Amino acid sequence: MSSSEALLTAAATWRDRFAQRAGGVTSSAIRELLKLTERSDILSFAGGLPAPEAFPVEEVEAACHRVLQERGADALQYGPTEGFLPLRELLAQQMERQGVPATPDNVLVTTGSQQALDLVGKLFLDPGDHVATEEPTYLGALQAFAAYQARYLPLPVDDEGLRVDFLEDALRSGPRFLYVLPNFQNPTGVTLSLERRRRIVELASRHGVPIVEDDPYRQLRYEGEPVPAVATIQAQLDGGAAGGGAFRGGTLYLGTLSKILGPGLRVGWVVAPDEVARKLVQFKQGADLHTSTFAQMVAYETARDGFLDRHVRRIRELYGARRDAMLRALEDHMPEGVRWTRPHGGLFLWVTLPRGLDSSILLGRALQARVAFVPGAPFFPDGGGAETLRLNFSYCAPDLIDEGMRRLGGVIRAALASRPRSTAAQRPG
C-alpha cells in the first residue's frame, strides 16, 4: 500500500468513528466566507466585525501593565471556573442597572458568548429536542445547538421583532426553550417591541418554557429609547426588584464584551438562577476549566471606573454615522424592488431582493465586483431566505460603504436584467 493510500485509509477510519452528532455540524457560512474576503481589494460587509479604530488599544495596554505589575502571578495562574470575582461583581452591577436582580453567584464568565450558547445547548438539549427561535436567527446559535441534534420551531420576524401571534402554538408543543435576540437582532437588525417582550414573557411563563435572551448589542443604540430587557420584564413578573436580590425566574441572559471592548479578549457571560449556574459551571469545567484569567483581569481593569460607559458613547457615535452612511448609500444605489431594514442600533441591516434573485448565486458575481455580503439562507433554521442577505455597517468607513453599495447595486441591476422574463414580470411581494 502506498503512503497516499494509507493516508486515505486512515482518514476513512476516523470518519467511521465520528459520533452521530458530527453529521449535523457544519462550518459557519460566515467564517468560510471571511476566508474569501481577506483580499485587500474586496470591500467586505460580511463579518460582524467591530471597527479596529474603535478598539481602546491604549487603555488595554495600560490595563495589561497594571495586571502584570500588580497581580502577574495570579493572572498567569489557573482561576475559578465561575470567573474572576471583581469582573463578576462588575457585571452583576451592570445587570442591576438594567433592573435585573443578580448577584455575582448568578454570573458565569464564558469564553465569549458563543461558548455560553454551547453550554446552554449542552445543558438543555437531548437529540431531537425542539428549540423555538426567531426566523431568521443568529447563525452561531444554530451551529451551537446543532451539535446537540436540536430541531427547530421557527417563528417569523417583522419590523417589531418576533411575531407573537405565532408563539403560543409553538410553546404548546413544549420546546426546551425559546431563543431570542431582542435588541438589533442578528441578522435583521430589528428590535423586539416592549409590548411583544411582555407578551413573550407572559406566554412563556404560562406554558413553562424558559427563555434564553441573547443580548450582545444592547449598548449599541443610535436612536430611540432603550427597551427593558426580557430578563427585566421577567423579574418584574416574578415580583423581583433590583437592589441585591438573587436572579430567579425563567430567563437566562447572555452578554458579551466583544462588541464594546474587543472580540479578541473573548469575554462573555451568562446570568442564570443558582441551580442553572451551578450546572453550567460543571459543563464549563469539562470544556476549558475557565476563561483566560489574564483576559478577564485585563477586561476588568479596562472597564472599571466608568471607562466602559465613556467608551460606549464614543463607539455609538462612530457606528451611528456608519449606519446612516449605509442607509444613504442604499437609497442612492439600490435598484427598484430592493428593500432593507432600518435598525436603531447594532451592527447589521437586512436586505430583501426582488423575487427570483438568489443571494447565494449573487455572491459569486459580487465577489467578482470586489464586494462581499452574507447570503441570508444560512440564518433560516428550516430552509428558505434565498432572496435575502445581511450587510454589516460597522467595519468600513463611510466612503467605502458608499463605494461598496455602488458595486453591489450594479451587481443586482445586472442580475435583474438577466432574469427570465416570466420572473422579471413579477413584482416583489
Protein backbone atom coordinates (compact mmCIF):
# COMPACT_ATOMS: atom_id res chain seq x y z
CA MET A 1 0.00 0.00 0.00
CA SER A 2 1.37 3.40 -0.97
CA SER A 3 1.68 6.22 1.56
CA SER A 4 -1.16 8.15 -0.10
CA GLU A 5 -3.44 5.09 0.07
CA ALA A 6 -2.53 4.61 3.72
CA LEU A 7 -3.47 8.22 4.49
CA LEU A 8 -6.83 7.82 2.75
CA THR A 9 -7.50 4.63 4.71
CA ALA A 10 -6.62 6.35 7.99
CA ALA A 11 -8.93 9.27 7.20
CA ALA A 12 -11.79 6.87 6.41
CA THR A 13 -11.13 5.08 9.71
CA TRP A 14 -11.53 8.34 11.62
CA ARG A 15 -14.73 9.20 9.73
CA ASP A 16 -16.24 5.83 10.58
CA ARG A 17 -15.76 6.64 14.26
CA PHE A 18 -17.33 10.10 14.33
CA ALA A 19 -20.24 10.41 16.76
CA GLN A 20 -23.71 10.62 15.23
CA ARG A 21 -23.95 14.32 16.18
CA ALA A 22 -21.00 15.16 13.93
CA GLY A 23 -23.20 14.71 10.87
CA GLY A 24 -25.34 17.70 11.84
CA VAL A 25 -22.44 20.09 12.42
CA THR A 26 -21.24 22.21 9.51
CA SER A 27 -18.86 25.11 9.11
CA SER A 28 -20.17 28.61 9.67
CA ALA A 29 -21.06 30.18 6.34
CA ILE A 30 -19.74 33.47 7.68
CA ARG A 31 -16.39 32.05 8.82
CA GLU A 32 -15.90 30.33 5.47
CA LEU A 33 -16.84 33.49 3.60
CA LEU A 34 -14.38 35.59 5.60
CA LYS A 35 -11.58 33.41 4.22
CA LEU A 36 -12.59 34.52 0.72
CA THR A 37 -12.71 38.18 1.62
CA GLU A 38 -9.22 38.59 3.06
CA ARG A 39 -8.05 40.16 -0.18
CA SER A 40 -7.43 43.83 0.41
CA ASP A 41 -9.27 44.82 -2.78
CA ILE A 42 -12.59 43.32 -1.62
CA LEU A 43 -14.92 45.59 0.32
CA SER A 44 -16.41 43.20 2.85
CA PHE A 45 -19.73 43.78 4.58
CA ALA A 46 -19.89 40.10 5.55
CA GLY A 47 -18.47 39.66 9.04
CA GLY A 48 -19.90 41.24 12.18
CA LEU A 49 -16.60 42.95 12.80
CA PRO A 50 -16.20 45.95 15.10
CA ALA A 51 -14.17 48.79 13.63
CA PRO A 52 -10.48 48.34 14.56
CA GLU A 53 -10.18 52.09 15.16
CA ALA A 54 -12.83 51.70 17.89
CA PHE A 55 -10.67 49.36 19.96
CA PRO A 56 -9.33 51.01 23.15
CA VAL A 57 -5.77 49.88 22.45
CA GLU A 58 -4.04 52.35 24.76
CA GLU A 59 -6.38 51.61 27.65
CA VAL A 60 -5.99 47.85 27.19
CA GLU A 61 -2.21 48.24 27.02
CA ALA A 62 -2.23 50.19 30.29
CA ALA A 63 -4.50 47.58 31.87
CA CYS A 64 -2.11 44.79 30.81
CA HIS A 65 0.78 46.58 32.53
CA ARG A 66 -1.22 47.09 35.73
CA VAL A 67 -2.32 43.47 35.81
CA LEU A 68 1.19 42.13 35.26
CA GLN A 69 2.81 44.54 37.69
CA GLU A 70 0.26 44.16 40.48
CA ARG A 71 -1.11 40.63 40.03
CA GLY A 72 1.14 38.99 37.46
CA ALA A 73 1.40 35.60 39.13
CA ASP A 74 -2.37 35.41 39.69
CA ALA A 75 -3.07 36.49 36.13
CA LEU A 76 -0.97 33.66 34.69
CA GLN A 77 -2.39 31.04 37.08
CA TYR A 78 -5.45 28.83 36.89
CA GLY A 79 -8.60 30.51 38.17
CA PRO A 80 -12.11 29.61 39.34
CA THR A 81 -14.45 28.29 36.68
CA GLU A 82 -17.09 30.88 37.62
CA GLY A 83 -14.74 33.69 36.64
CA PHE A 84 -12.67 36.50 38.18
CA LEU A 85 -14.75 37.74 41.12
CA PRO A 86 -14.26 41.51 40.61
CA LEU A 87 -15.37 41.13 36.99
CA ARG A 88 -18.43 39.13 38.03
CA GLU A 89 -19.26 41.82 40.58
CA LEU A 90 -18.97 44.48 37.87
CA LEU A 91 -21.23 42.50 35.53
CA ALA A 92 -23.78 41.89 38.29
CA GLN A 93 -23.85 45.64 38.96
CA GLN A 94 -24.42 46.25 35.26
CA MET A 95 -27.38 43.87 35.33
CA GLU A 96 -28.77 45.66 38.40
CA ARG A 97 -28.68 48.92 36.44
CA GLN A 98 -30.94 47.26 33.87
CA GLY A 99 -33.38 46.26 36.60
CA VAL A 100 -32.31 42.61 36.65
CA PRO A 101 -31.67 41.41 40.21
CA ALA A 102 -28.42 39.45 40.20
CA THR A 103 -25.52 38.64 42.49
CA PRO A 104 -22.02 37.57 41.40
CA ASP A 105 -23.10 33.99 42.14
CA ASN A 106 -25.58 34.28 39.28
CA VAL A 107 -22.84 35.31 36.82
CA LEU A 108 -20.67 32.82 34.92
CA VAL A 109 -17.90 34.30 32.77
CA THR A 110 -17.59 32.44 29.47
CA THR A 111 -15.11 32.41 26.61
CA GLY A 112 -17.22 34.74 24.52
CA SER A 113 -21.00 34.49 24.44
CA GLN A 114 -20.60 31.80 21.77
CA GLN A 115 -19.40 29.44 24.50
CA ALA A 116 -22.44 30.39 26.54
CA LEU A 117 -24.67 29.20 23.68
CA ASP A 118 -22.77 25.92 23.52
CA LEU A 119 -23.11 25.39 27.29
CA VAL A 120 -26.83 26.14 27.13
CA GLY A 121 -27.24 23.57 24.37
CA LYS A 122 -25.19 21.04 26.31
CA LEU A 123 -27.26 21.53 29.46
CA PHE A 124 -30.77 21.57 27.99
CA LEU A 125 -30.82 19.64 24.70
CA ASP A 126 -31.12 15.93 24.02
CA PRO A 127 -31.16 14.64 20.43
CA GLY A 128 -34.41 15.61 18.75
CA ASP A 129 -35.42 18.26 21.29
CA HIS A 130 -37.05 21.38 19.89
CA VAL A 131 -35.89 24.97 20.27
CA ALA A 132 -38.33 27.76 19.46
CA THR A 133 -36.46 30.53 17.68
CA GLU A 134 -36.87 33.57 15.50
CA GLU A 135 -36.57 33.04 11.76
CA PRO A 136 -34.13 34.23 10.59
CA THR A 137 -31.87 33.98 13.63
CA TYR A 138 -28.22 34.09 14.66
CA LEU A 139 -26.24 31.53 12.69
CA GLY A 140 -23.83 30.89 15.59
CA ALA A 141 -26.72 29.77 17.81
CA LEU A 142 -27.91 27.34 15.15
CA GLN A 143 -24.38 25.98 14.94
CA ALA A 144 -24.11 25.59 18.70
CA PHE A 145 -27.47 23.84 19.09
CA ALA A 146 -26.89 21.61 16.04
CA ALA A 147 -24.06 19.91 17.94
CA TYR A 148 -26.72 18.56 20.31
CA GLN A 149 -29.01 17.50 17.46
CA ALA A 150 -31.68 20.11 18.09
CA ARG A 151 -34.76 20.58 15.94
CA TYR A 152 -36.41 23.96 15.48
CA LEU A 153 -39.77 25.65 15.79
CA PRO A 154 -39.12 28.76 13.67
CA LEU A 155 -41.18 31.90 14.29
CA PRO A 156 -41.37 34.72 11.71
CA VAL A 157 -39.93 38.18 12.35
CA ASP A 158 -41.22 41.56 11.19
CA ASP A 159 -40.19 45.16 11.90
CA GLU A 160 -41.17 44.78 15.57
CA GLY A 161 -39.32 41.53 16.08
CA LEU A 162 -40.69 38.07 16.74
CA ARG A 163 -44.33 37.62 15.66
CA VAL A 164 -46.05 36.77 18.95
CA ASP A 165 -49.26 35.75 17.17
CA PHE A 166 -47.42 32.56 16.15
CA LEU A 167 -45.80 32.00 19.54
CA GLU A 168 -48.45 30.25 21.62
CA ASP A 169 -48.88 27.34 19.22
CA ALA A 170 -45.11 26.82 19.26
CA LEU A 171 -44.94 26.94 23.05
CA ARG A 172 -47.80 24.44 23.39
CA SER A 173 -45.63 21.84 21.65
CA GLY A 174 -43.15 22.00 24.52
CA PRO A 175 -39.81 23.28 23.23
CA ARG A 176 -36.88 23.06 25.65
CA PHE A 177 -36.54 26.85 25.50
CA LEU A 178 -37.26 29.94 23.42
CA TYR A 179 -34.16 31.65 21.97
CA VAL A 180 -34.46 35.38 21.21
CA LEU A 181 -32.20 38.31 20.30
CA PRO A 182 -34.34 41.26 21.36
CA ASN A 183 -32.08 44.20 20.50
CA PHE A 184 -30.92 44.94 16.93
CA GLN A 185 -31.23 41.29 16.07
CA ASN A 186 -28.57 39.44 14.15
CA PRO A 187 -29.16 39.20 11.21
CA THR A 188 -32.12 41.55 10.61
CA GLY A 189 -31.23 44.48 12.86
CA VAL A 190 -34.82 44.77 14.15
CA THR A 191 -35.71 45.39 17.81
CA LEU A 192 -38.38 43.48 19.70
CA SER A 193 -41.04 45.95 20.85
CA LEU A 194 -41.87 46.40 24.54
CA GLU A 195 -45.41 45.12 24.02
CA ARG A 196 -44.10 41.94 22.39
CA ARG A 197 -41.47 41.42 25.10
CA ARG A 198 -44.20 41.49 27.72
CA ARG A 199 -46.33 39.09 25.71
CA ILE A 200 -43.41 36.69 25.23
CA VAL A 201 -42.70 36.61 28.96
CA GLU A 202 -46.39 36.14 29.72
CA LEU A 203 -46.82 33.26 27.27
CA ALA A 204 -43.53 31.55 28.14
CA SER A 205 -44.39 31.71 31.84
CA ARG A 206 -47.88 30.34 31.20
CA HIS A 207 -46.51 27.36 29.28
CA GLY A 208 -43.47 26.78 31.48
CA VAL A 209 -40.94 27.36 28.69
CA PRO A 210 -37.64 29.04 29.67
CA ILE A 211 -36.31 31.96 27.63
CA VAL A 212 -32.69 32.34 26.52
CA GLU A 213 -32.11 36.06 25.90
CA ASP A 214 -29.01 36.71 23.79
CA ASP A 215 -28.20 40.43 24.07
CA PRO A 216 -24.79 41.25 22.57
CA TYR A 217 -25.77 44.61 21.01
CA ARG A 218 -27.83 46.24 23.77
CA GLN A 219 -25.42 49.13 24.36
CA LEU A 220 -25.06 49.91 20.66
CA ARG A 221 -28.21 52.05 20.30
CA TYR A 222 -28.02 55.07 17.98
CA GLU A 223 -31.56 56.39 18.24
CA GLY A 224 -34.66 55.93 20.35
CA GLU A 225 -35.05 54.97 23.99
CA PRO A 226 -33.74 51.72 25.48
CA VAL A 227 -36.31 48.96 25.92
CA PRO A 228 -36.23 46.88 29.14
CA ALA A 229 -34.52 43.53 28.77
CA VAL A 230 -36.69 40.42 28.61
CA ALA A 231 -34.96 39.38 31.85
CA THR A 232 -36.04 42.68 33.43
CA ILE A 233 -39.66 42.08 32.47
CA GLN A 234 -39.38 38.51 33.74
CA ALA A 235 -38.03 39.78 37.07
CA GLN A 236 -40.93 42.22 37.35
CA LEU A 237 -43.42 39.46 36.62
CA ASP A 238 -41.79 37.24 39.24
CA GLY A 239 -42.00 40.03 41.82
CA GLY A 240 -38.25 40.61 41.85
CA ALA A 241 -36.64 44.02 42.19
CA ALA A 242 -33.18 45.44 41.73
CA GLY A 243 -31.15 46.01 44.84
CA GLY A 244 -29.24 42.88 45.70
CA GLY A 245 -31.76 40.08 45.21
CA ALA A 246 -30.69 36.85 43.58
CA PHE A 247 -31.55 36.20 39.94
CA ARG A 248 -34.56 33.90 39.59
CA GLY A 249 -37.25 33.17 37.08
CA GLY A 250 -37.45 31.68 33.63
CA THR A 251 -34.99 33.77 31.60
CA LEU A 252 -31.26 33.21 31.07
CA TYR A 253 -29.39 36.34 29.98
CA LEU A 254 -26.30 36.20 27.72
CA GLY A 255 -23.96 39.18 27.29
CA THR A 256 -20.52 39.93 25.88
CA LEU A 257 -17.74 42.50 25.90
CA SER A 258 -16.77 41.62 22.32
CA LYS A 259 -18.78 44.40 20.68
CA ILE A 260 -17.71 47.18 23.05
CA LEU A 261 -14.13 46.34 24.16
CA GLY A 262 -12.80 43.86 21.63
CA PRO A 263 -13.68 40.34 20.45
CA GLY A 264 -10.08 39.20 20.87
CA LEU A 265 -10.49 39.23 24.66
CA ARG A 266 -13.18 36.51 24.34
CA VAL A 267 -15.07 37.60 27.46
CA GLY A 268 -18.78 36.88 27.63
CA TRP A 269 -21.14 35.95 30.45
CA VAL A 270 -24.35 34.19 31.44
CA VAL A 271 -26.71 35.39 34.17
CA ALA A 272 -28.69 32.43 35.49
CA PRO A 273 -30.58 31.22 38.57
CA ASP A 274 -28.36 29.47 41.11
CA GLU A 275 -29.22 25.88 40.17
CA VAL A 276 -28.70 26.59 36.46
CA ALA A 277 -25.48 28.50 37.08
CA ARG A 278 -24.06 25.57 39.07
CA LYS A 279 -24.78 23.13 36.25
CA LEU A 280 -23.32 25.47 33.61
CA VAL A 281 -20.17 25.71 35.74
CA GLN A 282 -19.85 21.92 35.77
CA PHE A 283 -20.16 21.72 31.98
CA LYS A 284 -17.65 24.56 31.54
CA GLN A 285 -15.16 22.68 33.72
CA GLY A 286 -15.26 19.90 31.15
CA ALA A 287 -14.84 22.33 28.27
CA ASP A 288 -11.98 24.65 29.25
CA LEU A 289 -11.71 24.75 33.08
CA HIS A 290 -12.12 28.54 33.00
CA THR A 291 -11.94 31.56 30.72
CA SER A 292 -8.46 33.09 30.49
CA THR A 293 -7.63 34.64 33.86
CA PHE A 294 -5.37 37.20 32.22
CA ALA A 295 -8.05 38.26 29.71
CA GLN A 296 -10.64 38.61 32.49
CA MET A 297 -8.33 40.73 34.63
CA VAL A 298 -7.44 42.95 31.67
CA ALA A 299 -11.10 43.34 30.77
CA TYR A 300 -11.93 44.30 34.34
CA GLU A 301 -9.07 46.78 34.63
CA THR A 302 -10.07 48.37 31.33
CA ALA A 303 -13.80 48.54 32.09
CA ARG A 304 -13.70 49.72 35.69
CA ASP A 305 -14.11 53.30 37.00
CA GLY A 306 -16.70 54.24 34.38
CA PHE A 307 -14.47 53.79 31.33
CA LEU A 308 -16.91 51.40 29.68
CA ASP A 309 -19.71 53.98 29.69
CA ARG A 310 -17.41 56.64 28.22
CA HIS A 311 -16.13 54.27 25.57
CA VAL A 312 -19.63 53.15 24.58
CA ARG A 313 -20.61 56.77 23.92
CA ARG A 314 -17.68 57.05 21.51
CA ILE A 315 -18.46 53.91 19.53
CA ARG A 316 -22.16 54.77 19.37
CA GLU A 317 -21.20 57.97 17.57
CA LEU A 318 -18.86 56.11 15.21
CA TYR A 319 -21.22 53.27 14.34
CA GLY A 320 -24.28 55.51 14.19
CA ALA A 321 -22.59 57.58 11.48
CA ARG A 322 -21.74 54.40 9.56
CA ARG A 323 -25.29 53.11 9.81
CA ASP A 324 -26.52 56.42 8.42
CA ALA A 325 -23.95 56.22 5.63
CA MET A 326 -25.16 52.76 4.62
CA LEU A 327 -28.81 53.79 4.65
CA ARG A 328 -27.97 56.77 2.41
CA ALA A 329 -25.89 54.60 0.10
CA LEU A 330 -28.67 52.03 -0.25
CA GLU A 331 -31.11 54.80 -1.16
CA ASP A 332 -28.64 56.13 -3.72
CA HIS A 333 -27.51 52.89 -5.34
CA MET A 334 -30.10 50.12 -5.00
CA PRO A 335 -32.46 49.42 -7.90
CA GLU A 336 -36.24 49.49 -7.53
CA GLY A 337 -37.68 46.49 -5.70
CA VAL A 338 -34.83 46.06 -3.19
CA ARG A 339 -35.97 46.52 0.44
CA TRP A 340 -33.98 46.79 3.67
CA THR A 341 -34.45 47.23 7.41
CA ARG A 342 -33.61 50.48 9.24
CA PRO A 343 -32.07 49.37 12.55
CA HIS A 344 -31.92 51.68 15.57
CA GLY A 345 -28.63 50.12 16.66
CA GLY A 346 -26.38 47.08 16.42
CA LEU A 347 -24.10 46.17 13.52
CA PHE A 348 -26.35 44.86 10.74
CA LEU A 349 -29.19 45.52 8.38
CA TRP A 350 -31.16 43.03 6.30
CA VAL A 351 -31.83 43.24 2.59
CA THR A 352 -34.66 41.56 0.69
CA LEU A 353 -34.09 41.21 -3.05
CA PRO A 354 -36.73 41.24 -5.78
CA ARG A 355 -38.39 37.88 -6.35
CA GLY A 356 -36.38 35.47 -8.42
CA LEU A 357 -32.91 36.52 -7.24
CA ASP A 358 -30.88 34.09 -5.12
CA SER A 359 -28.31 35.83 -2.89
CA SER A 360 -26.07 32.73 -2.80
CA ILE A 361 -25.73 32.90 -6.59
CA LEU A 362 -25.45 36.69 -6.45
CA LEU A 363 -22.49 36.41 -4.06
CA GLY A 364 -20.24 34.94 -6.74
CA ARG A 365 -20.95 37.89 -9.02
CA ALA A 366 -20.47 40.29 -6.12
CA LEU A 367 -17.04 38.87 -5.34
CA GLN A 368 -16.08 39.42 -8.98
CA ALA A 369 -17.11 43.05 -8.42
CA ARG A 370 -14.93 43.05 -5.27
CA VAL A 371 -17.73 43.39 -2.71
CA ALA A 372 -18.95 40.80 -0.19
CA PHE A 373 -22.02 40.13 1.95
CA VAL A 374 -23.55 37.14 3.74
CA PRO A 375 -26.35 35.30 1.93
CA GLY A 376 -29.50 35.02 4.04
CA ALA A 377 -30.31 31.31 3.71
CA PRO A 378 -27.99 30.01 6.48
CA PHE A 379 -29.89 32.14 9.05
CA PHE A 380 -33.10 30.16 8.42
CA PRO A 381 -33.19 27.02 10.59
CA ASP A 382 -35.65 25.15 8.35
CA GLY A 383 -34.62 26.48 4.95
CA GLY A 384 -35.70 29.49 2.93
CA GLY A 385 -34.30 33.00 2.75
CA ALA A 386 -32.78 32.68 -0.72
CA GLU A 387 -33.85 36.23 -1.60
CA THR A 388 -32.27 37.82 1.48
CA LEU A 389 -28.80 38.92 2.57
CA ARG A 390 -27.10 40.53 5.56
CA LEU A 391 -24.90 43.63 5.48
CA ASN A 392 -22.55 44.83 8.23
CA PHE A 393 -22.06 48.59 8.54
CA SER A 394 -19.64 48.87 11.48
CA TYR A 395 -16.38 47.82 9.82
CA CYS A 396 -15.94 50.02 6.76
CA ALA A 397 -15.55 53.81 6.72
CA PRO A 398 -18.42 55.84 5.17
CA ASP A 399 -16.67 56.44 1.83
CA LEU A 400 -16.01 52.71 1.45
CA ILE A 401 -19.61 51.95 2.42
CA ASP A 402 -20.82 54.19 -0.41
CA GLU A 403 -18.46 52.55 -2.90
CA GLY A 404 -19.41 49.07 -1.71
CA MET A 405 -23.13 49.75 -2.12
CA ARG A 406 -22.49 51.23 -5.56
CA ARG A 407 -20.77 47.98 -6.59
CA LEU A 408 -23.48 45.82 -5.03
CA GLY A 409 -26.23 47.88 -6.65
CA GLY A 410 -24.59 47.33 -10.02
CA VAL A 411 -24.42 43.57 -9.43
CA ILE A 412 -28.11 43.45 -8.50
CA ARG A 413 -29.09 45.52 -11.55
CA ALA A 414 -27.19 43.14 -13.82
CA ALA A 415 -28.86 40.15 -12.18
CA LEU A 416 -32.30 41.72 -12.60
CA ALA A 417 -31.62 42.37 -16.26
CA SER A 418 -30.65 38.73 -16.83
CA ARG A 419 -33.74 37.22 -15.14
CA PRO A 420 -36.09 35.13 -17.26
CA ARG A 421 -38.98 37.25 -18.49
CA SER A 422 -41.58 35.24 -16.56
CA THR A 423 -39.76 36.02 -13.28
CA ALA A 424 -38.94 39.62 -14.15
CA ALA A 425 -42.58 40.33 -14.77
CA GLN A 426 -43.45 39.53 -11.15
CA ARG A 427 -43.27 42.26 -8.56
CA PRO A 428 -41.73 41.61 -5.18
CA GLY A 429 -44.23 40.56 -2.51
